[in-house]
Amino acid sequence: MKNIFFFDAMLTPKIITAVYWLCLLGILVGGIGAMFYGEFFRGLFGIILGGVFTRVCFEMIIIAFKNNEYLRKIAEKP
C-alpha cells in the first residue's frame, strides 16, 4: 500500500490492461453485431482492424510506463 501512496509502484498499467480487454470485448461484440445485421465483411474487417489498432494504441501507452520503470532502475544504480 505504501508503494501506491508514494508513487513507487504504478497503478495505471494494471488498469490499462483491464481497459484493453474491455475495448477488445466491445470491438468483438460490435463486429459480431454488424455481421448479423447484413454487413458481414464490414463486421469482420472491423474486428480485425479494430483489434490491431487497439493493441498498438495500448502498447504505446504501456511503453511510456515501461520507460519510466527503466529510468527509475537506472537512477537507482550506484
PDB file of N, CA and C in Angstrom:
ATOM      1  N   MET A   1       0.817  -1.187   0.000  1.00  0.00           N
ATOM      2  CA  MET A   1       0.000   0.000   0.000  1.00  0.00           C
ATOM      3  C   MET A   1       0.868   1.262   0.000  1.00  0.00           C
ATOM      4  N   LYS A   2       1.982   1.198   0.703  1.00  0.00           N
ATOM      5  CA  LYS A   2       2.888   2.347   0.764  1.00  0.00           C
ATOM      6  C   LYS A   2       3.404   2.697  -0.634  1.00  0.00           C
ATOM      7  N   ASN A   3       3.691   1.670  -1.439  1.00  0.00           N
ATOM      8  CA  ASN A   3       4.190   1.906  -2.796  1.00  0.00           C
ATOM      9  C   ASN A   3       3.211   2.704  -3.638  1.00  0.00           C
ATOM     10  N   ILE A   4       1.932   2.435  -3.453  1.00  0.00           N
ATOM     11  CA  ILE A   4       0.917   3.134  -4.239  1.00  0.00           C
ATOM     12  C   ILE A   4       0.756   4.577  -3.766  1.00  0.00           C
ATOM     13  N   PHE A   5       0.755   4.786  -2.433  1.00  0.00           N
ATOM     14  CA  PHE A   5       0.559   6.136  -1.906  1.00  0.00           C
ATOM     15  C   PHE A   5       1.732   7.067  -2.194  1.00  0.00           C
ATOM     16  N   PHE A   6       2.936   6.516  -2.279  1.00  0.00           N
ATOM     17  CA  PHE A   6       4.102   7.344  -2.536  1.00  0.00           C
ATOM     18  C   PHE A   6       4.602   7.223  -3.972  1.00  0.00           C
ATOM     19  N   PHE A   7       3.793   6.668  -4.858  1.00  0.00           N
ATOM     20  CA  PHE A   7       4.066   6.546  -6.287  1.00  0.00           C
ATOM     21  C   PHE A   7       5.344   5.768  -6.587  1.00  0.00           C
ATOM     22  N   ASP A   8       5.685   4.803  -5.737  1.00  0.00           N
ATOM     23  CA  ASP A   8       6.809   3.920  -6.034  1.00  0.00           C
ATOM     24  C   ASP A   8       6.383   2.824  -7.005  1.00  0.00           C
ATOM     25  N   ALA A   9       5.128   2.478  -7.000  1.00  0.00           N
ATOM     26  CA  ALA A   9       4.581   1.498  -7.935  1.00  0.00           C
ATOM     27  C   ALA A   9       3.463   2.174  -8.723  1.00  0.00           C
ATOM     28  N   MET A  10       3.384   1.859  -9.979  1.00  0.00           N
ATOM     29  CA  MET A  10       2.366   2.455 -10.840  1.00  0.00           C
ATOM     30  C   MET A  10       1.112   1.584 -10.854  1.00  0.00           C
ATOM     31  N   LEU A  11      -0.006   2.205 -10.648  1.00  0.00           N
ATOM     32  CA  LEU A  11      -1.297   1.520 -10.640  1.00  0.00           C
ATOM     33  C   LEU A  11      -1.919   1.506 -12.039  1.00  0.00           C
ATOM     34  N   THR A  12      -1.612   2.516 -12.825  1.00  0.00           N
ATOM     35  CA  THR A  12      -2.241   2.684 -14.134  1.00  0.00           C
ATOM     36  C   THR A  12      -1.999   1.514 -15.097  1.00  0.00           C
ATOM     37  N   PRO A  13      -0.788   0.912 -15.163  1.00  0.00           N
ATOM     38  CA  PRO A  13      -0.630  -0.224 -16.093  1.00  0.00           C
ATOM     39  C   PRO A  13      -1.589  -1.374 -15.812  1.00  0.00           C
ATOM     40  N   LYS A  14      -1.927  -1.595 -14.564  1.00  0.00           N
ATOM     41  CA  LYS A  14      -2.884  -2.658 -14.238  1.00  0.00           C
ATOM     42  C   LYS A  14      -4.290  -2.276 -14.713  1.00  0.00           C
ATOM     43  N   ILE A  15      -4.635  -1.018 -14.573  1.00  0.00           N
ATOM     44  CA  ILE A  15      -5.938  -0.545 -15.023  1.00  0.00           C
ATOM     45  C   ILE A  15      -6.009  -0.570 -16.543  1.00  0.00           C
ATOM     46  N   ILE A  16      -4.910  -0.201 -17.198  1.00  0.00           N
ATOM     47  CA  ILE A  16      -4.876  -0.178 -18.658  1.00  0.00           C
ATOM     48  C   ILE A  16      -5.110  -1.574 -19.230  1.00  0.00           C
ATOM     49  N   THR A  17      -4.586  -2.598 -18.566  1.00  0.00           N
ATOM     50  CA  THR A  17      -4.804  -3.967 -19.032  1.00  0.00           C
ATOM     51  C   THR A  17      -6.289  -4.315 -19.015  1.00  0.00           C
ATOM     52  N   ALA A  18      -6.971  -3.945 -17.951  1.00  0.00           N
ATOM     53  CA  ALA A  18      -8.412  -4.216 -17.864  1.00  0.00           C
ATOM     54  C   ALA A  18      -9.180  -3.430 -18.927  1.00  0.00           C
ATOM     55  N   VAL A  19      -8.813  -2.189 -19.140  1.00  0.00           N
ATOM     56  CA  VAL A  19      -9.486  -1.360 -20.153  1.00  0.00           C
ATOM     57  C   VAL A  19      -9.242  -1.927 -21.552  1.00  0.00           C
ATOM     58  N   TYR A  20      -8.033  -2.439 -21.784  1.00  0.00           N
ATOM     59  CA  TYR A  20      -7.711  -3.060 -23.076  1.00  0.00           C
ATOM     60  C   TYR A  20      -8.658  -4.234 -23.356  1.00  0.00           C
ATOM     61  N   TRP A  21      -8.846  -5.106 -22.375  1.00  0.00           N
ATOM     62  CA  TRP A  21      -9.718  -6.259 -22.582  1.00  0.00           C
ATOM     63  C   TRP A  21     -11.170  -5.833 -22.768  1.00  0.00           C
ATOM     64  N   LEU A  22     -11.588  -4.791 -22.069  1.00  0.00           N
ATOM     65  CA  LEU A  22     -12.949  -4.289 -22.268  1.00  0.00           C
ATOM     66  C   LEU A  22     -13.131  -3.711 -23.673  1.00  0.00           C
ATOM     67  N   CYS A  23     -12.105  -3.021 -24.166  1.00  0.00           N
ATOM     68  CA  CYS A  23     -12.161  -2.488 -25.537  1.00  0.00           C
ATOM     69  C   CYS A  23     -12.242  -3.620 -26.557  1.00  0.00           C
ATOM     70  N   LEU A  24     -11.430  -4.653 -26.356  1.00  0.00           N
ATOM     71  CA  LEU A  24     -11.489  -5.790 -27.273  1.00  0.00           C
ATOM     72  C   LEU A  24     -12.859  -6.464 -27.244  1.00  0.00           C
ATOM     73  N   LEU A  25     -13.436  -6.566 -26.062  1.00  0.00           N
ATOM     74  CA  LEU A  25     -14.772  -7.151 -25.953  1.00  0.00           C
ATOM     75  C   LEU A  25     -15.793  -6.296 -26.703  1.00  0.00           C
ATOM     76  N   GLY A  26     -15.684  -4.978 -26.562  1.00  0.00           N
ATOM     77  CA  GLY A  26     -16.587  -4.078 -27.281  1.00  0.00           C
ATOM     78  C   GLY A  26     -16.427  -4.185 -28.792  1.00  0.00           C
ATOM     79  N   ILE A  27     -15.183  -4.293 -29.252  1.00  0.00           N
ATOM     80  CA  ILE A  27     -14.930  -4.443 -30.689  1.00  0.00           C
ATOM     81  C   ILE A  27     -15.517  -5.755 -31.195  1.00  0.00           C
ATOM     82  N   LEU A  28     -15.338  -6.816 -30.429  1.00  0.00           N
ATOM     83  CA  LEU A  28     -15.856  -8.122 -30.825  1.00  0.00           C
ATOM     84  C   LEU A  28     -17.386  -8.117 -30.881  1.00  0.00           C
ATOM     85  N   VAL A  29     -18.022  -7.564 -29.874  1.00  0.00           N
ATOM     86  CA  VAL A  29     -19.492  -7.507 -29.844  1.00  0.00           C
ATOM     87  C   VAL A  29     -20.010  -6.636 -30.981  1.00  0.00           C
ATOM     88  N   GLY A  30     -19.360  -5.485 -31.197  1.00  0.00           N
ATOM     89  CA  GLY A  30     -19.779  -4.614 -32.299  1.00  0.00           C
ATOM     90  C   GLY A  30     -19.600  -5.264 -33.655  1.00  0.00           C
ATOM     91  N   GLY A  31     -18.480  -5.969 -33.831  1.00  0.00           N
ATOM     92  CA  GLY A  31     -18.236  -6.653 -35.105  1.00  0.00           C
ATOM     93  C   GLY A  31     -19.220  -7.778 -35.357  1.00  0.00           C
ATOM     94  N   ILE A  32     -19.498  -8.554 -34.331  1.00  0.00           N
ATOM     95  CA  ILE A  32     -20.466  -9.649 -34.484  1.00  0.00           C
ATOM     96  C   ILE A  32     -21.862  -9.085 -34.728  1.00  0.00           C
ATOM     97  N   GLY A  33     -22.180  -7.982 -34.047  1.00  0.00           N
ATOM     98  CA  GLY A  33     -23.468  -7.328 -34.286  1.00  0.00           C
ATOM     99  C   GLY A  33     -23.595  -6.852 -35.723  1.00  0.00           C
ATOM    100  N   ALA A  34     -22.534  -6.280 -36.264  1.00  0.00           N
ATOM    101  CA  ALA A  34     -22.556  -5.832 -37.661  1.00  0.00           C
ATOM    102  C   ALA A  34     -22.698  -7.018 -38.608  1.00  0.00           C
ATOM    103  N   MET A  35     -22.068  -8.133 -38.252  1.00  0.00           N
ATOM    104  CA  MET A  35     -22.177  -9.330 -39.101  1.00  0.00           C
ATOM    105  C   MET A  35     -23.617  -9.838 -39.167  1.00  0.00           C
ATOM    106  N   PHE A  36     -24.329  -9.773 -38.051  1.00  0.00           N
ATOM    107  CA  PHE A  36     -25.699 -10.280 -38.021  1.00  0.00           C
ATOM    108  C   PHE A  36     -26.693  -9.332 -38.685  1.00  0.00           C
ATOM    109  N   TYR A  37     -26.333  -8.070 -38.829  1.00  0.00           N
ATOM    110  CA  TYR A  37     -27.248  -7.111 -39.441  1.00  0.00           C
ATOM    111  C   TYR A  37     -26.923  -6.865 -40.908  1.00  0.00           C
ATOM    112  N   GLY A  38     -26.365  -7.863 -41.564  1.00  0.00           N
ATOM    113  CA  GLY A  38     -26.209  -7.819 -43.006  1.00  0.00           C
ATOM    114  C   GLY A  38     -24.902  -7.241 -43.511  1.00  0.00           C
ATOM    115  N   GLU A  39     -24.018  -6.838 -42.641  1.00  0.00           N
ATOM    116  CA  GLU A  39     -22.735  -6.287 -43.081  1.00  0.00           C
ATOM    117  C   GLU A  39     -21.617  -7.203 -42.593  1.00  0.00           C
ATOM    118  N   PHE A  40     -21.605  -8.418 -43.129  1.00  0.00           N
ATOM    119  CA  PHE A  40     -20.684  -9.441 -42.647  1.00  0.00           C
ATOM    120  C   PHE A  40     -19.228  -9.024 -42.795  1.00  0.00           C
ATOM    121  N   PHE A  41     -18.851  -8.604 -43.999  1.00  0.00           N
ATOM    122  CA  PHE A  41     -17.445  -8.270 -44.229  1.00  0.00           C
ATOM    123  C   PHE A  41     -17.021  -6.999 -43.497  1.00  0.00           C
ATOM    124  N   ARG A  42     -17.920  -6.062 -43.347  1.00  0.00           N
ATOM    125  CA  ARG A  42     -17.604  -4.851 -42.580  1.00  0.00           C
ATOM    126  C   ARG A  42     -17.384  -5.207 -41.106  1.00  0.00           C
ATOM    127  N   GLY A  43     -18.185  -6.110 -40.579  1.00  0.00           N
ATOM    128  CA  GLY A  43     -18.005  -6.554 -39.196  1.00  0.00           C
ATOM    129  C   GLY A  43     -16.707  -7.315 -38.999  1.00  0.00           C
ATOM    130  N   LEU A  44     -16.382  -8.193 -39.936  1.00  0.00           N
ATOM    131  CA  LEU A  44     -15.133  -8.949 -39.871  1.00  0.00           C
ATOM    132  C   LEU A  44     -13.932  -8.019 -39.994  1.00  0.00           C
ATOM    133  N   PHE A  45     -14.021  -7.092 -40.919  1.00  0.00           N
ATOM    134  CA  PHE A  45     -12.961  -6.096 -41.111  1.00  0.00           C
ATOM    135  C   PHE A  45     -12.801  -5.235 -39.867  1.00  0.00           C
ATOM    136  N   GLY A  46     -13.903  -4.878 -39.240  1.00  0.00           N
ATOM    137  CA  GLY A  46     -13.875  -4.080 -38.021  1.00  0.00           C
ATOM    138  C   GLY A  46     -13.242  -4.822 -36.858  1.00  0.00           C
ATOM    139  N   ILE A  47     -13.528  -6.104 -36.750  1.00  0.00           N
ATOM    140  CA  ILE A  47     -12.928  -6.904 -35.683  1.00  0.00           C
ATOM    141  C   ILE A  47     -11.419  -6.997 -35.866  1.00  0.00           C
ATOM    142  N   ILE A  48     -10.984  -7.274 -37.078  1.00  0.00           N
ATOM    143  CA  ILE A  48      -9.545  -7.440 -37.331  1.00  0.00           C
ATOM    144  C   ILE A  48      -8.807  -6.121 -37.171  1.00  0.00           C
ATOM    145  N   LEU A  49      -9.244  -5.088 -37.882  1.00  0.00           N
ATOM    146  CA  LEU A  49      -8.553  -3.798 -37.796  1.00  0.00           C
ATOM    147  C   LEU A  49      -8.713  -3.144 -36.431  1.00  0.00           C
ATOM    148  N   GLY A  50      -9.877  -3.272 -35.850  1.00  0.00           N
ATOM    149  CA  GLY A  50     -10.097  -2.707 -34.519  1.00  0.00           C
ATOM    150  C   GLY A  50      -9.223  -3.365 -33.475  1.00  0.00           C
ATOM    151  N   GLY A  51      -9.075  -4.678 -33.554  1.00  0.00           N
ATOM    152  CA  GLY A  51      -8.211  -5.396 -32.618  1.00  0.00           C
ATOM    153  C   GLY A  51      -6.752  -4.994 -32.752  1.00  0.00           C
ATOM    154  N   VAL A  52      -6.286  -4.885 -33.984  1.00  0.00           N
ATOM    155  CA  VAL A  52      -4.887  -4.498 -34.211  1.00  0.00           C
ATOM    156  C   VAL A  52      -4.651  -3.057 -33.774  1.00  0.00           C
ATOM    157  N   PHE A  53      -5.537  -2.148 -34.154  1.00  0.00           N
ATOM    158  CA  PHE A  53      -5.378  -0.740 -33.794  1.00  0.00           C
ATOM    159  C   PHE A  53      -5.403  -0.542 -32.279  1.00  0.00           C
ATOM    160  N   THR A  54      -6.320  -1.240 -31.610  1.00  0.00           N
ATOM    161  CA  THR A  54      -6.410  -1.141 -30.157  1.00  0.00           C
ATOM    162  C   THR A  54      -5.144  -1.659 -29.502  1.00  0.00           C
ATOM    163  N   ARG A  55      -4.620  -2.761 -29.997  1.00  0.00           N
ATOM    164  CA  ARG A  55      -3.392  -3.322 -29.427  1.00  0.00           C
ATOM    165  C   ARG A  55      -2.226  -2.344 -29.572  1.00  0.00           C
ATOM    166  N   VAL A  56      -2.082  -1.765 -30.745  1.00  0.00           N
ATOM    167  CA  VAL A  56      -0.986  -0.819 -30.984  1.00  0.00           C
ATOM    168  C   VAL A  56      -1.119   0.396 -30.076  1.00  0.00           C
ATOM    169  N   CYS A  57      -2.301   0.931 -29.950  1.00  0.00           N
ATOM    170  CA  CYS A  57      -2.512   2.108 -29.095  1.00  0.00           C
ATOM    171  C   CYS A  57      -2.187   1.814 -27.634  1.00  0.00           C
ATOM    172  N   PHE A  58      -2.655   0.704 -27.125  1.00  0.00           N
ATOM    173  CA  PHE A  58      -2.397   0.377 -25.731  1.00  0.00           C
ATOM    174  C   PHE A  58      -0.933   0.010 -25.501  1.00  0.00           C
ATOM    175  N   GLU A  59      -0.271  -0.579 -26.489  1.00  0.00           N
ATOM    176  CA  GLU A  59       1.159  -0.852 -26.357  1.00  0.00           C
ATOM    177  C   GLU A  59       1.946   0.441 -26.260  1.00  0.00           C
ATOM    178  N   MET A  60       1.550   1.463 -27.000  1.00  0.00           N
ATOM    179  CA  MET A  60       2.236   2.756 -26.919  1.00  0.00           C
ATOM    180  C   MET A  60       2.108   3.355 -25.522  1.00  0.00           C
ATOM    181  N   ILE A  61       0.954   3.209 -24.917  1.00  0.00           N
ATOM    182  CA  ILE A  61       0.753   3.724 -23.566  1.00  0.00           C
ATOM    183  C   ILE A  61       1.628   2.947 -22.578  1.00  0.00           C
ATOM    184  N   ILE A  62       1.655   1.634 -22.710  1.00  0.00           N
ATOM    185  CA  ILE A  62       2.453   0.806 -21.807  1.00  0.00           C
ATOM    186  C   ILE A  62       3.941   1.096 -21.969  1.00  0.00           C
ATOM    187  N   ILE A  63       4.386   1.400 -23.180  1.00  0.00           N
ATOM    188  CA  ILE A  63       5.795   1.735 -23.408  1.00  0.00           C
ATOM    189  C   ILE A  63       6.195   2.943 -22.571  1.00  0.00           C
ATOM    190  N   ALA A  64       5.332   3.917 -22.465  1.00  0.00           N
ATOM    191  CA  ALA A  64       5.639   5.100 -21.654  1.00  0.00           C
ATOM    192  C   ALA A  64       5.859   4.707 -20.191  1.00  0.00           C
ATOM    193  N   PHE A  65       5.055   3.801 -19.676  1.00  0.00           N
ATOM    194  CA  PHE A  65       5.218   3.372 -18.297  1.00  0.00           C
ATOM    195  C   PHE A  65       6.462   2.500 -18.125  1.00  0.00           C
ATOM    196  N   LYS A  66       6.765   1.678 -19.106  1.00  0.00           N
ATOM    197  CA  LYS A  66       7.983   0.860 -19.035  1.00  0.00           C
ATOM    198  C   LYS A  66       9.221   1.743 -19.062  1.00  0.00           C
ATOM    199  N   ASN A  67       9.200   2.790 -19.886  1.00  0.00           N
ATOM    200  CA  ASN A  67      10.334   3.709 -19.914  1.00  0.00           C
ATOM    201  C   ASN A  67      10.551   4.339 -18.546  1.00  0.00           C
ATOM    202  N   ASN A  68       9.484   4.715 -17.887  1.00  0.00           N
ATOM    203  CA  ASN A  68       9.585   5.275 -16.548  1.00  0.00           C
ATOM    204  C   ASN A  68      10.207   4.259 -15.589  1.00  0.00           C
ATOM    205  N   GLU A  69       9.792   3.012 -15.691  1.00  0.00           N
ATOM    206  CA  GLU A  69      10.327   1.952 -14.828  1.00  0.00           C
ATOM    207  C   GLU A  69      11.821   1.747 -15.077  1.00  0.00           C
ATOM    208  N   TYR A  70      12.223   1.712 -16.343  1.00  0.00           N
ATOM    209  CA  TYR A  70      13.636   1.512 -16.667  1.00  0.00           C
ATOM    210  C   TYR A  70      14.485   2.699 -16.228  1.00  0.00           C
ATOM    211  N   LEU A  71      13.971   3.904 -16.382  1.00  0.00           N
ATOM    212  CA  LEU A  71      14.704   5.083 -15.925  1.00  0.00           C
ATOM    213  C   LEU A  71      14.868   5.089 -14.408  1.00  0.00           C
ATOM    214  N   ARG A  72      13.860   4.625 -13.710  1.00  0.00           N
ATOM    215  CA  ARG A  72      13.953   4.536 -12.249  1.00  0.00           C
ATOM    216  C   ARG A  72      15.055   3.547 -11.851  1.00  0.00           C
ATOM    217  N   LYS A  73      15.139   2.398 -12.544  1.00  0.00           N
ATOM    218  CA  LYS A  73      16.179   1.425 -12.253  1.00  0.00           C
ATOM    219  C   LYS A  73      17.568   1.996 -12.539  1.00  0.00           C
ATOM    220  N   ILE A  74      17.700   2.741 -13.624  1.00  0.00           N
ATOM    221  CA  ILE A  74      18.987   3.339 -13.964  1.00  0.00           C
ATOM    222  C   ILE A  74      19.382   4.371 -12.904  1.00  0.00           C
ATOM    223  N   ALA A  75      18.416   5.147 -12.447  1.00  0.00           N
ATOM    224  CA  ALA A  75      18.700   6.173 -11.452  1.00  0.00           C
ATOM    225  C   ALA A  75      19.086   5.582 -10.100  1.00  0.00           C
ATOM    226  N   GLU A  76      18.572   4.389  -9.787  1.00  0.00           N
ATOM    227  CA  GLU A  76      18.868   3.753  -8.505  1.00  0.00           C
ATOM    228  C   GLU A  76      20.197   3.035  -8.481  1.00  0.00           C
ATOM    229  N   LYS A  77      20.842   2.849  -9.635  1.00  0.00           N
ATOM    230  CA  LYS A  77      22.132   2.171  -9.672  1.00  0.00           C
ATOM    231  C   LYS A  77      23.183   3.037  -8.979  1.00  0.00           C
ATOM    232  N   PRO A  78      24.068   2.395  -8.211  1.00  0.00           N
ATOM    233  CA  PRO A  78      25.113   3.181  -7.524  1.00  0.00           C
ATOM    234  C   PRO A  78      26.192   3.701  -8.442  1.00  0.00           C
TER     235      PRO A  78
END
